[in-house]
Amino acid sequence: FLIAPGLLFDLLAERRRAGRPESAFREASRVVLASLAFTSAGIAV
């Protein structure tokens, strides 16, 4: 439940940005940060 929002946002973001090679750490960090932000919104509600 915590990681799903970040994964969804990252998959949707692929439609908006040109892909470029990046490390697994950078990709995972982006998913975690996005998940934290959207999960926080859910917890606030």
PDB file of all heavy atoms in Angstrom:
ATOM      1  N   PHE A   1       0.822  -1.201   0.000  1.00  0.00           N
ATOM      2  CA  PHE A   1       0.000   0.000   0.000  1.00  0.00           C
ATOM      3  C   PHE A   1       0.862   1.258   0.000  1.00  0.00           C
ATOM      4  O   PHE A   1       0.501   2.254  -0.626  1.00  0.00           O
ATOM      5  CB  PHE A   1      -0.932  -0.008   1.221  1.00  0.00           C
ATOM      6  CG  PHE A   1      -2.219  -0.743   0.995  1.00  0.00           C
ATOM      7  CD1 PHE A   1      -2.234  -2.125   0.897  1.00  0.00           C
ATOM      8  CD2 PHE A   1      -3.414  -0.076   0.854  1.00  0.00           C
ATOM      9  CE1 PHE A   1      -3.407  -2.818   0.670  1.00  0.00           C
ATOM     10  CE2 PHE A   1      -4.607  -0.752   0.631  1.00  0.00           C
ATOM     11  CZ  PHE A   1      -4.608  -2.131   0.543  1.00  0.00           C
ATOM     12  N   LEU A   2       1.976   1.217   0.685  1.00  0.00           N
ATOM     13  CA  LEU A   2       2.826   2.403   0.760  1.00  0.00           C
ATOM     14  C   LEU A   2       3.578   2.660  -0.541  1.00  0.00           C
ATOM     15  O   LEU A   2       3.785   3.805  -0.934  1.00  0.00           O
ATOM     16  CB  LEU A   2       3.833   2.245   1.915  1.00  0.00           C
ATOM     17  CG  LEU A   2       3.256   2.313   3.332  1.00  0.00           C
ATOM     18  CD1 LEU A   2       4.345   1.976   4.346  1.00  0.00           C
ATOM     19  CD2 LEU A   2       2.685   3.694   3.618  1.00  0.00           C
ATOM     20  N   ILE A   3       4.000   1.603  -1.228  1.00  0.00           N
ATOM     21  CA  ILE A   3       4.846   1.777  -2.398  1.00  0.00           C
ATOM     22  C   ILE A   3       4.038   1.930  -3.686  1.00  0.00           C
ATOM     23  O   ILE A   3       4.532   2.481  -4.681  1.00  0.00           O
ATOM     24  CB  ILE A   3       5.830   0.592  -2.528  1.00  0.00           C
ATOM     25  CG1 ILE A   3       7.087   1.026  -3.281  1.00  0.00           C
ATOM     26  CG2 ILE A   3       5.187  -0.589  -3.201  1.00  0.00           C
ATOM     27  CD1 ILE A   3       7.952   1.988  -2.509  1.00  0.00           C
ATOM     28  N   ALA A   4       2.780   1.469  -3.686  1.00  0.00           N
ATOM     29  CA  ALA A   4       1.972   1.488  -4.908  1.00  0.00           C
ATOM     30  C   ALA A   4       1.774   2.884  -5.489  1.00  0.00           C
ATOM     31  O   ALA A   4       1.881   3.059  -6.714  1.00  0.00           O
ATOM     32  CB  ALA A   4       0.627   0.815  -4.647  1.00  0.00           C
ATOM     33  N   PRO A   5       1.480   3.927  -4.698  1.00  0.00           N
ATOM     34  CA  PRO A   5       1.276   5.252  -5.299  1.00  0.00           C
ATOM     35  C   PRO A   5       2.517   5.769  -6.035  1.00  0.00           C
ATOM     36  O   PRO A   5       2.405   6.368  -7.113  1.00  0.00           O
ATOM     37  CB  PRO A   5       0.941   6.139  -4.087  1.00  0.00           C
ATOM     38  CG  PRO A   5       0.430   5.199  -3.060  1.00  0.00           C
ATOM     39  CD  PRO A   5       1.197   3.938  -3.253  1.00  0.00           C
ATOM     40  N   GLY A   6       3.698   5.532  -5.472  1.00  0.00           N
ATOM     41  CA  GLY A   6       4.913   5.975  -6.139  1.00  0.00           C
ATOM     42  C   GLY A   6       5.163   5.230  -7.432  1.00  0.00           C
ATOM     43  O   GLY A   6       5.606   5.814  -8.429  1.00  0.00           O
ATOM     44  N   LEU A   7       4.862   3.914  -7.447  1.00  0.00           N
ATOM     45  CA  LEU A   7       5.019   3.139  -8.671  1.00  0.00           C
ATOM     46  C   LEU A   7       4.059   3.625  -9.745  1.00  0.00           C
ATOM     47  O   LEU A   7       4.437   3.761 -10.918  1.00  0.00           O
ATOM     48  CB  LEU A   7       4.773   1.657  -8.382  1.00  0.00           C
ATOM     49  CG  LEU A   7       5.852   0.930  -7.577  1.00  0.00           C
ATOM     50  CD1 LEU A   7       5.401  -0.486  -7.251  1.00  0.00           C
ATOM     51  CD2 LEU A   7       7.170   0.901  -8.344  1.00  0.00           C
ATOM     52  N   LEU A   8       2.807   3.898  -9.367  1.00  0.00           N
ATOM     53  CA  LEU A   8       1.835   4.402 -10.331  1.00  0.00           C
ATOM     54  C   LEU A   8       2.282   5.741 -10.908  1.00  0.00           C
ATOM     55  O   LEU A   8       2.246   5.950 -12.127  1.00  0.00           O
ATOM     56  CB  LEU A   8       0.463   4.552  -9.671  1.00  0.00           C
ATOM     57  CG  LEU A   8      -0.611   5.224 -10.532  1.00  0.00           C
ATOM     58  CD1 LEU A   8      -0.924   4.368 -11.754  1.00  0.00           C
ATOM     59  CD2 LEU A   8      -1.876   5.474  -9.713  1.00  0.00           C
ATOM     60  N   PHE A   9       2.730   6.633 -10.037  1.00  0.00           N
ATOM     61  CA  PHE A   9       3.159   7.952 -10.500  1.00  0.00           C
ATOM     62  C   PHE A   9       4.371   7.842 -11.430  1.00  0.00           C
ATOM     63  O   PHE A   9       4.453   8.552 -12.442  1.00  0.00           O
ATOM     64  CB  PHE A   9       3.512   8.826  -9.295  1.00  0.00           C
ATOM     65  CG  PHE A   9       3.869  10.234  -9.672  1.00  0.00           C
ATOM     66  CD1 PHE A   9       2.900  11.117 -10.120  1.00  0.00           C
ATOM     67  CD2 PHE A   9       5.177  10.687  -9.575  1.00  0.00           C
ATOM     68  CE1 PHE A   9       3.231  12.417 -10.470  1.00  0.00           C
ATOM     69  CE2 PHE A   9       5.522  11.974  -9.926  1.00  0.00           C
ATOM     70  CZ  PHE A   9       4.541  12.848 -10.368  1.00  0.00           C
ATOM     71  N   ASP A  10       5.294   6.934 -11.124  1.00  0.00           N
ATOM     72  CA  ASP A  10       6.474   6.773 -11.967  1.00  0.00           C
ATOM     73  C   ASP A  10       6.102   6.198 -13.327  1.00  0.00           C
ATOM     74  O   ASP A  10       6.656   6.600 -14.356  1.00  0.00           O
ATOM     75  CB  ASP A  10       7.488   5.879 -11.263  1.00  0.00           C
ATOM     76  CG  ASP A  10       8.873   5.985 -11.873  1.00  0.00           C
ATOM     77  OD1 ASP A  10       9.414   7.104 -11.932  1.00  0.00           O
ATOM     78  OD2 ASP A  10       9.418   4.958 -12.306  1.00  0.00           O
ATOM     79  N   LEU A  11       5.159   5.246 -13.350  1.00  0.00           N
ATOM     80  CA  LEU A  11       4.715   4.683 -14.625  1.00  0.00           C
ATOM     81  C   LEU A  11       4.004   5.738 -15.465  1.00  0.00           C
ATOM     82  O   LEU A  11       4.208   5.824 -16.686  1.00  0.00           O
ATOM     83  CB  LEU A  11       3.788   3.490 -14.378  1.00  0.00           C
ATOM     84  CG  LEU A  11       4.450   2.244 -13.789  1.00  0.00           C
ATOM     85  CD1 LEU A  11       3.391   1.204 -13.442  1.00  0.00           C
ATOM     86  CD2 LEU A  11       5.457   1.656 -14.775  1.00  0.00           C
ATOM     87  N   LEU A  12       3.178   6.564 -14.831  1.00  0.00           N
ATOM     88  CA  LEU A  12       2.499   7.629 -15.564  1.00  0.00           C
ATOM     89  C   LEU A  12       3.489   8.674 -16.056  1.00  0.00           C
ATOM     90  O   LEU A  12       3.329   9.248 -17.142  1.00  0.00           O
ATOM     91  CB  LEU A  12       1.438   8.287 -14.669  1.00  0.00           C
ATOM     92  CG  LEU A  12       0.234   7.421 -14.299  1.00  0.00           C
ATOM     93  CD1 LEU A  12      -0.634   8.142 -13.272  1.00  0.00           C
ATOM     94  CD2 LEU A  12      -0.582   7.079 -15.530  1.00  0.00           C
ATOM     95  N   ALA A  13       4.531   8.920 -15.259  1.00  0.00           N
ATOM     96  CA  ALA A  13       5.510   9.943 -15.624  1.00  0.00           C
ATOM     97  C   ALA A  13       6.279   9.573 -16.881  1.00  0.00           C
ATOM     98  O   ALA A  13       6.797  10.450 -17.577  1.00  0.00           O
ATOM     99  CB  ALA A  13       6.482  10.177 -14.461  1.00  0.00           C
ATOM    100  N   GLU A  14       6.369   8.280 -17.193  1.00  0.00           N
ATOM    101  CA  GLU A  14       7.068   7.865 -18.404  1.00  0.00           C
ATOM    102  C   GLU A  14       6.392   8.395 -19.658  1.00  0.00           C
ATOM    103  O   GLU A  14       7.015   8.511 -20.713  1.00  0.00           O
ATOM    104  CB  GLU A  14       7.154   6.339 -18.470  1.00  0.00           C
ATOM    105  CG  GLU A  14       8.077   5.741 -17.417  1.00  0.00           C
ATOM    106  CD  GLU A  14       8.188   4.234 -17.543  1.00  0.00           C
ATOM    107  OE1 GLU A  14       7.516   3.670 -18.448  1.00  0.00           O
ATOM    108  OE2 GLU A  14       8.931   3.633 -16.763  1.00  0.00           O
ATOM    109  N   ARG A  15       5.099   8.733 -19.549  1.00  0.00           N
ATOM    110  CA  ARG A  15       4.390   9.305 -20.690  1.00  0.00           C
ATOM    111  C   ARG A  15       4.727  10.780 -20.890  1.00  0.00           C
ATOM    112  O   ARG A  15       4.481  11.341 -21.944  1.00  0.00           O
ATOM    113  CB  ARG A  15       2.877   9.174 -20.491  1.00  0.00           C
ATOM    114  CG  ARG A  15       2.397   7.743 -20.259  1.00  0.00           C
ATOM    115  CD  ARG A  15       0.897   7.733 -20.062  1.00  0.00           C
ATOM    116  NE  ARG A  15       0.401   6.381 -19.802  1.00  0.00           N
ATOM    117  CZ  ARG A  15      -0.884   6.101 -19.577  1.00  0.00           C
ATOM    118  NH1 ARG A  15      -1.784   7.061 -19.590  1.00  0.00           N
ATOM    119  NH2 ARG A  15      -1.248   4.847 -19.340  1.00  0.00           N
ATOM    120  N   ARG A  16       5.270  11.408 -19.837  1.00  0.00           N
ATOM    121  CA  ARG A  16       5.523  12.846 -19.918  1.00  0.00           C
ATOM    122  C   ARG A  16       6.976  13.199 -20.163  1.00  0.00           C
ATOM    123  O   ARG A  16       7.286  14.306 -20.587  1.00  0.00           O
ATOM    124  CB  ARG A  16       5.098  13.521 -18.598  1.00  0.00           C
ATOM    125  CG  ARG A  16       3.622  13.457 -18.309  1.00  0.00           C
ATOM    126  CD  ARG A  16       3.267  14.211 -17.037  1.00  0.00           C
ATOM    127  NE  ARG A  16       3.555  13.424 -15.834  1.00  0.00           N
ATOM    128  CZ  ARG A  16       4.607  13.583 -15.057  1.00  0.00           C
ATOM    129  NH1 ARG A  16       5.504  14.492 -15.344  1.00  0.00           N
ATOM    130  NH2 ARG A  16       4.780  12.821 -13.996  1.00  0.00           N
ATOM    131  N   ARG A  17       7.883  12.296 -19.879  1.00  0.00           N
ATOM    132  CA  ARG A  17       9.286  12.647 -19.969  1.00  0.00           C
ATOM    133  C   ARG A  17      10.016  11.697 -20.906  1.00  0.00           C
ATOM    134  O   ARG A  17       9.624  10.548 -21.083  1.00  0.00           O
ATOM    135  CB  ARG A  17       9.961  12.604 -18.589  1.00  0.00           C
ATOM    136  CG  ARG A  17       9.969  11.215 -17.952  1.00  0.00           C
ATOM    137  CD  ARG A  17      10.831  11.189 -16.705  1.00  0.00           C
ATOM    138  NE  ARG A  17      10.899   9.846 -16.143  1.00  0.00           N
ATOM    139  CZ  ARG A  17      10.188   9.437 -15.119  1.00  0.00           C
ATOM    140  NH1 ARG A  17       9.346  10.257 -14.532  1.00  0.00           N
ATOM    141  NH2 ARG A  17      10.305   8.193 -14.677  1.00  0.00           N
ATOM    142  N   ALA A  18      11.048  12.222 -21.501  1.00  0.00           N
ATOM    143  CA  ALA A  18      11.904  11.382 -22.337  1.00  0.00           C
ATOM    144  C   ALA A  18      12.765  10.519 -21.437  1.00  0.00           C
ATOM    145  O   ALA A  18      13.362  11.000 -20.470  1.00  0.00           O
ATOM    146  CB  ALA A  18      12.785  12.250 -23.226  1.00  0.00           C
ATOM    147  N   GLY A  19      12.802   9.227 -21.740  1.00  0.00           N
ATOM    148  CA  GLY A  19      13.592   8.331 -20.915  1.00  0.00           C
ATOM    149  C   GLY A  19      15.081   8.533 -21.100  1.00  0.00           C
ATOM    150  O   GLY A  19      15.538   8.926 -22.161  1.00  0.00           O
ATOM    151  N   ARG A  20      15.833   8.303 -20.062  1.00  0.00           N
ATOM    152  CA  ARG A  20      17.281   8.365 -20.137  1.00  0.00           C
ATOM    153  C   ARG A  20      17.842   7.348 -19.164  1.00  0.00           C
ATOM    154  O   ARG A  20      17.207   7.026 -18.159  1.00  0.00           O
ATOM    155  CB  ARG A  20      17.786   9.768 -19.799  1.00  0.00           C
ATOM    156  CG  ARG A  20      17.457  10.229 -18.385  1.00  0.00           C
ATOM    157  CD  ARG A  20      18.090  11.587 -18.108  1.00  0.00           C
ATOM    158  NE  ARG A  20      17.878  12.005 -16.744  1.00  0.00           N
ATOM    159  CZ  ARG A  20      16.832  12.718 -16.338  1.00  0.00           C
ATOM    160  NH1 ARG A  20      15.905  13.064 -17.203  1.00  0.00           N
ATOM    161  NH2 ARG A  20      16.703  13.075 -15.075  1.00  0.00           N
ATOM    162  N   PRO A  21      19.025   6.840 -19.451  1.00  0.00           N
ATOM    163  CA  PRO A  21      19.604   5.859 -18.539  1.00  0.00           C
ATOM    164  C   PRO A  21      19.796   6.441 -17.139  1.00  0.00           C
ATOM    165  O   PRO A  21      20.219   7.589 -16.989  1.00  0.00           O
ATOM    166  CB  PRO A  21      20.963   5.534 -19.195  1.00  0.00           C
ATOM    167  CG  PRO A  21      20.798   5.910 -20.626  1.00  0.00           C
ATOM    168  CD  PRO A  21      19.866   7.092 -20.625  1.00  0.00           C
ATOM    169  N   GLU A  22      19.447   5.675 -16.124  1.00  0.00           N
ATOM    170  CA  GLU A  22      19.643   6.119 -14.756  1.00  0.00           C
ATOM    171  C   GLU A  22      19.878   4.897 -13.878  1.00  0.00           C
ATOM    172  O   GLU A  22      19.521   3.783 -14.223  1.00  0.00           O
ATOM    173  CB  GLU A  22      18.445   6.923 -14.260  1.00  0.00           C
ATOM    174  CG  GLU A  22      17.133   6.167 -14.275  1.00  0.00           C
ATOM    175  CD  GLU A  22      15.981   7.018 -13.782  1.00  0.00           C
ATOM    176  OE1 GLU A  22      16.202   8.206 -13.489  1.00  0.00           O
ATOM    177  OE2 GLU A  22      14.857   6.497 -13.697  1.00  0.00           O
ATOM    178  N   SER A  23      20.470   5.150 -12.735  1.00  0.00           N
ATOM    179  CA  SER A  23      20.806   4.054 -11.837  1.00  0.00           C
ATOM    180  C   SER A  23      19.558   3.537 -11.142  1.00  0.00           C
ATOM    181  O   SER A  23      18.543   4.232 -11.022  1.00  0.00           O
ATOM    182  CB  SER A  23      21.814   4.537 -10.790  1.00  0.00           C
ATOM    183  OG  SER A  23      21.218   5.509  -9.944  1.00  0.00           O
ATOM    184  N   ALA A  24      19.639   2.290 -10.671  1.00  0.00           N
ATOM    185  CA  ALA A  24      18.528   1.709  -9.933  1.00  0.00           C
ATOM    186  C   ALA A  24      18.269   2.488  -8.645  1.00  0.00           C
ATOM    187  O   ALA A  24      17.121   2.629  -8.210  1.00  0.00           O
ATOM    188  CB  ALA A  24      18.821   0.246  -9.623  1.00  0.00           C
ATOM    189  N   PHE A  25      19.339   3.019  -8.032  1.00  0.00           N
ATOM    190  CA  PHE A  25      19.175   3.798  -6.802  1.00  0.00           C
ATOM    191  C   PHE A  25      18.368   5.065  -7.064  1.00  0.00           C
ATOM    192  O   PHE A  25      17.474   5.416  -6.281  1.00  0.00           O
ATOM    193  CB  PHE A  25      20.547   4.164  -6.237  1.00  0.00           C
ATOM    194  CG  PHE A  25      20.485   5.063  -5.029  1.00  0.00           C
ATOM    195  CD1 PHE A  25      20.174   4.553  -3.779  1.00  0.00           C
ATOM    196  CD2 PHE A  25      20.728   6.429  -5.150  1.00  0.00           C
ATOM    197  CE1 PHE A  25      20.099   5.375  -2.665  1.00  0.00           C
ATOM    198  CE2 PHE A  25      20.654   7.258  -4.055  1.00  0.00           C
ATOM    199  CZ  PHE A  25      20.336   6.732  -2.804  1.00  0.00           C
ATOM    200  N   ARG A  26      18.653   5.747  -8.160  1.00  0.00           N
ATOM    201  CA  ARG A  26      17.924   6.976  -8.481  1.00  0.00           C
ATOM    202  C   ARG A  26      16.451   6.680  -8.748  1.00  0.00           C
ATOM    203  O   ARG A  26      15.568   7.392  -8.271  1.00  0.00           O
ATOM    204  CB  ARG A  26      18.562   7.646  -9.704  1.00  0.00           C
ATOM    205  CG  ARG A  26      17.898   8.966 -10.113  1.00  0.00           C
ATOM    206  CD  ARG A  26      18.529   9.510 -11.374  1.00  0.00           C
ATOM    207  NE  ARG A  26      17.901  10.741 -11.787  1.00  0.00           N
ATOM    208  CZ  ARG A  26      18.295  11.950 -11.406  1.00  0.00           C
ATOM    209  NH1 ARG A  26      19.345  12.063 -10.599  1.00  0.00           N
ATOM    210  NH2 ARG A  26      17.681  13.033 -11.817  1.00  0.00           N
ATOM    211  N   GLU A  27      16.191   5.615  -9.500  1.00  0.00           N
ATOM    212  CA  GLU A  27      14.809   5.255  -9.806  1.00  0.00           C
ATOM    213  C   GLU A  27      14.055   4.860  -8.534  1.00  0.00           C
ATOM    214  O   GLU A  27      12.918   5.284  -8.322  1.00  0.00           O
ATOM    215  CB  GLU A  27      14.794   4.110 -10.807  1.00  0.00           C
ATOM    216  CG  GLU A  27      13.390   3.690 -11.243  1.00  0.00           C
ATOM    217  CD  GLU A  27      13.413   2.585 -12.268  1.00  0.00           C
ATOM    218  OE1 GLU A  27      14.522   2.142 -12.640  1.00  0.00           O
ATOM    219  OE2 GLU A  27      12.330   2.165 -12.704  1.00  0.00           O
ATOM    220  N   ALA A  28      14.695   4.045  -7.679  1.00  0.00           N
ATOM    221  CA  ALA A  28      14.049   3.628  -6.438  1.00  0.00           C
ATOM    222  C   ALA A  28      13.811   4.820  -5.512  1.00  0.00           C
ATOM    223  O   ALA A  28      12.763   4.905  -4.851  1.00  0.00           O
ATOM    224  CB  ALA A  28      14.909   2.576  -5.735  1.00  0.00           C
ATOM    225  N   SER A  29      14.762   5.747  -5.466  1.00  0.00           N
ATOM    226  CA  SER A  29      14.609   6.929  -4.610  1.00  0.00           C
ATOM    227  C   SER A  29      13.426   7.775  -5.060  1.00  0.00           C
ATOM    228  O   SER A  29      12.657   8.285  -4.233  1.00  0.00           O
ATOM    229  CB  SER A  29      15.893   7.764  -4.638  1.00  0.00           C
ATOM    230  OG  SER A  29      16.987   7.030  -4.137  1.00  0.00           O
ATOM    231  N   ARG A  30      13.254   7.905  -6.374  1.00  0.00           N
ATOM    232  CA  ARG A  30      12.136   8.684  -6.889  1.00  0.00           C
ATOM    233  C   ARG A  30      10.805   8.031  -6.523  1.00  0.00           C
ATOM    234  O   ARG A  30       9.854   8.717  -6.129  1.00  0.00           O
ATOM    235  CB  ARG A  30      12.256   8.831  -8.406  1.00  0.00           C
ATOM    236  CG  ARG A  30      11.196   9.727  -9.030  1.00  0.00           C
ATOM    237  CD  ARG A  30      11.425   9.948 -10.508  1.00  0.00           C
ATOM    238  NE  ARG A  30      11.381   8.695 -11.250  1.00  0.00           N
ATOM    239  CZ  ARG A  30      12.436   8.141 -11.829  1.00  0.00           C
ATOM    240  NH1 ARG A  30      13.622   8.721 -11.741  1.00  0.00           N
ATOM    241  NH2 ARG A  30      12.322   7.018 -12.503  1.00  0.00           N
ATOM    242  N   VAL A  31      10.730   6.720  -6.629  1.00  0.00           N
ATOM    243  CA  VAL A  31       9.504   6.007  -6.275  1.00  0.00           C
ATOM    244  C   VAL A  31       9.203   6.146  -4.792  1.00  0.00           C
ATOM    245  O   VAL A  31       8.058   6.386  -4.393  1.00  0.00           O
ATOM    246  CB  VAL A  31       9.612   4.522  -6.673  1.00  0.00           C
ATOM    247  CG1 VAL A  31       8.437   3.724  -6.119  1.00  0.00           C
ATOM    248  CG2 VAL A  31       9.678   4.375  -8.184  1.00  0.00           C
ATOM    249  N   VAL A  32      10.233   6.018  -3.958  1.00  0.00           N
ATOM    250  CA  VAL A  32      10.037   6.110  -2.506  1.00  0.00           C
ATOM    251  C   VAL A  32       9.568   7.504  -2.102  1.00  0.00           C
ATOM    252  O   VAL A  32       8.635   7.660  -1.302  1.00  0.00           O
ATOM    253  CB  VAL A  32      11.345   5.744  -1.770  1.00  0.00           C
ATOM    254  CG1 VAL A  32      11.231   6.084  -0.286  1.00  0.00           C
ATOM    255  CG2 VAL A  32      11.651   4.257  -1.936  1.00  0.00           C
ATOM    256  N   LEU A  33      10.194   8.528  -2.666  1.00  0.00           N
ATOM    257  CA  LEU A  33       9.802   9.900  -2.325  1.00  0.00           C
ATOM    258  C   LEU A  33       8.377  10.201  -2.774  1.00  0.00           C
ATOM    259  O   LEU A  33       7.598  10.835  -2.042  1.00  0.00           O
ATOM    260  CB  LEU A  33      10.777  10.890  -2.953  1.00  0.00           C
ATOM    261  CG  LEU A  33      12.183  10.915  -2.346  1.00  0.00           C
ATOM    262  CD1 LEU A  33      13.089  11.844  -3.132  1.00  0.00           C
ATOM    263  CD2 LEU A  33      12.132  11.346  -0.885  1.00  0.00           C
ATOM    264  N   ALA A  34       8.025   9.756  -3.982  1.00  0.00           N
ATOM    265  CA  ALA A  34       6.663   9.971  -4.459  1.00  0.00           C
ATOM    266  C   ALA A  34       5.664   9.210  -3.593  1.00  0.00           C
ATOM    267  O   ALA A  34       4.601   9.740  -3.237  1.00  0.00           O
ATOM    268  CB  ALA A  34       6.541   9.534  -5.918  1.00  0.00           C
ATOM    269  N   SER A  35       6.002   7.982  -3.231  1.00  0.00           N
ATOM    270  CA  SER A  35       5.119   7.191  -2.366  1.00  0.00           C
ATOM    271  C   SER A  35       4.928   7.869  -1.023  1.00  0.00           C
ATOM    272  O   SER A  35       3.815   7.909  -0.481  1.00  0.00           O
ATOM    273  CB  SER A  35       5.697   5.785  -2.162  1.00  0.00           C
ATOM    274  OG  SER A  35       5.725   5.069  -3.367  1.00  0.00           O
ATOM    275  N   LEU A  36       6.003   8.413  -0.467  1.00  0.00           N
ATOM    276  CA  LEU A  36       5.913   9.093   0.824  1.00  0.00           C
ATOM    277  C   LEU A  36       4.977  10.287   0.742  1.00  0.00           C
ATOM    278  O   LEU A  36       4.139  10.512   1.633  1.00  0.00           O
ATOM    279  CB  LEU A  36       7.310   9.539   1.265  1.00  0.00           C
ATOM    280  CG  LEU A  36       7.399  10.293   2.591  1.00  0.00           C
ATOM    281  CD1 LEU A  36       6.915   9.406   3.734  1.00  0.00           C
ATOM    282  CD2 LEU A  36       8.833  10.756   2.852  1.00  0.00           C
ATOM    283  N   ALA A  37       5.086  11.062  -0.340  1.00  0.00           N
ATOM    284  CA  ALA A  37       4.249  12.251  -0.479  1.00  0.00           C
ATOM    285  C   ALA A  37       2.772  11.880  -0.622  1.00  0.00           C
ATOM    286  O   ALA A  37       1.899  12.435   0.067  1.00  0.00           O
ATOM    287  CB  ALA A  37       4.707  13.063  -1.684  1.00  0.00           C
ATOM    288  N   PHE A  38       2.473  10.927  -1.506  1.00  0.00           N
ATOM    289  CA  PHE A  38       1.068  10.581  -1.744  1.00  0.00           C
ATOM    290  C   PHE A  38       0.476   9.795  -0.581  1.00  0.00           C
ATOM    291  O   PHE A  38      -0.709   9.958  -0.264  1.00  0.00           O
ATOM    292  CB  PHE A  38       0.949   9.787  -3.045  1.00  0.00           C
ATOM    293  CG  PHE A  38       1.381  10.570  -4.255  1.00  0.00           C
ATOM    294  CD1 PHE A  38       2.327  10.060  -5.132  1.00  0.00           C
ATOM    295  CD2 PHE A  38       0.860  11.826  -4.509  1.00  0.00           C
ATOM    296  CE1 PHE A  38       2.729  10.780  -6.237  1.00  0.00           C
ATOM    297  CE2 PHE A  38       1.257  12.562  -5.612  1.00  0.00           C
ATOM    298  CZ  PHE A  38       2.201  12.042  -6.482  1.00  0.00           C
ATOM    299  N   THR A  39       1.286   8.953   0.065  1.00  0.00           N
ATOM    300  CA  THR A  39       0.804   8.232   1.233  1.00  0.00           C
ATOM    301  C   THR A  39       0.508   9.202   2.373  1.00  0.00           C
ATOM    302  O   THR A  39      -0.455   9.018   3.128  1.00  0.00           O
ATOM    303  CB  THR A  39       1.829   7.183   1.677  1.00  0.00           C
ATOM    304  OG1 THR A  39       2.014   6.232   0.625  1.00  0.00           O
ATOM    305  CG2 THR A  39       1.350   6.445   2.922  1.00  0.00           C
ATOM    306  N   SER A  40       1.327  10.229   2.504  1.00  0.00           N
ATOM    307  CA  SER A  40       1.084  11.242   3.539  1.00  0.00           C
ATOM    308  C   SER A  40      -0.257  11.933   3.318  1.00  0.00           C
ATOM    309  O   SER A  40      -0.982  12.236   4.269  1.00  0.00           O
ATOM    310  CB  SER A  40       2.212  12.278   3.531  1.00  0.00           C
ATOM    311  OG  SER A  40       3.452  11.667   3.859  1.00  0.00           O
ATOM    312  N   ALA A  41      -0.604  12.164   2.051  1.00  0.00           N
ATOM    313  CA  ALA A  41      -1.908  12.764   1.759  1.00  0.00           C
ATOM    314  C   ALA A  41      -3.033  11.833   2.192  1.00  0.00           C
ATOM    315  O   ALA A  41      -4.040  12.280   2.774  1.00  0.00           O
ATOM    316  CB  ALA A  41      -2.019  13.062   0.267  1.00  0.00           C
ATOM    317  N   GLY A  42      -2.864  10.528   1.942  1.00  0.00           N
ATOM    318  CA  GLY A  42      -3.874   9.574   2.368  1.00  0.00           C
ATOM    319  C   GLY A  42      -4.002   9.495   3.878  1.00  0.00           C
ATOM    320  O   GLY A  42      -5.112   9.433   4.423  1.00  0.00           O
ATOM    321  N   ILE A  43      -2.863   9.514   4.563  1.00  0.00           N
ATOM    322  CA  ILE A  43      -2.886   9.462   6.032  1.00  0.00           C
ATOM    323  C   ILE A  43      -3.529  10.721   6.604  1.00  0.00           C
ATOM    324  O   ILE A  43      -4.245  10.673   7.613  1.00  0.00           O
ATOM    325  CB  ILE A  43      -1.458   9.279   6.574  1.00  0.00           C
ATOM    326  CG1 ILE A  43      -0.930   7.888   6.184  1.00  0.00           C
ATOM    327  CG2 ILE A  43      -1.418   9.451   8.090  1.00  0.00           C
ATOM    328  CD1 ILE A  43       0.508   7.649   6.570  1.00  0.00           C
ATOM    329  N   ALA A  44      -3.289  11.855   5.957  1.00  0.00           N
ATOM    330  CA  ALA A  44      -3.896  13.104   6.417  1.00  0.00           C
ATOM    331  C   ALA A  44      -5.422  13.032   6.338  1.00  0.00           C
ATOM    332  O   ALA A  44      -6.134  13.478   7.250  1.00  0.00           O
ATOM    333  CB  ALA A  44      -3.378  14.272   5.589  1.00  0.00           C
ATOM    334  N   VAL A  45      -5.930  12.453   5.258  1.00  0.00           N
ATOM    335  CA  VAL A  45      -7.380  12.309   5.120  1.00  0.00           C
ATOM    336  C   VAL A  45      -7.925  11.376   6.196  1.00  0.00           C
ATOM    337  O   VAL A  45      -8.962  11.651   6.814  1.00  0.00           O
ATOM    338  CB  VAL A  45      -7.731  11.789   3.713  1.00  0.00           C
ATOM    339  CG1 VAL A  45      -9.210  11.412   3.625  1.00  0.00           C
ATOM    340  CG2 VAL A  45      -7.394  12.836   2.658  1.00  0.00           C
TER     341      VAL A  45
END
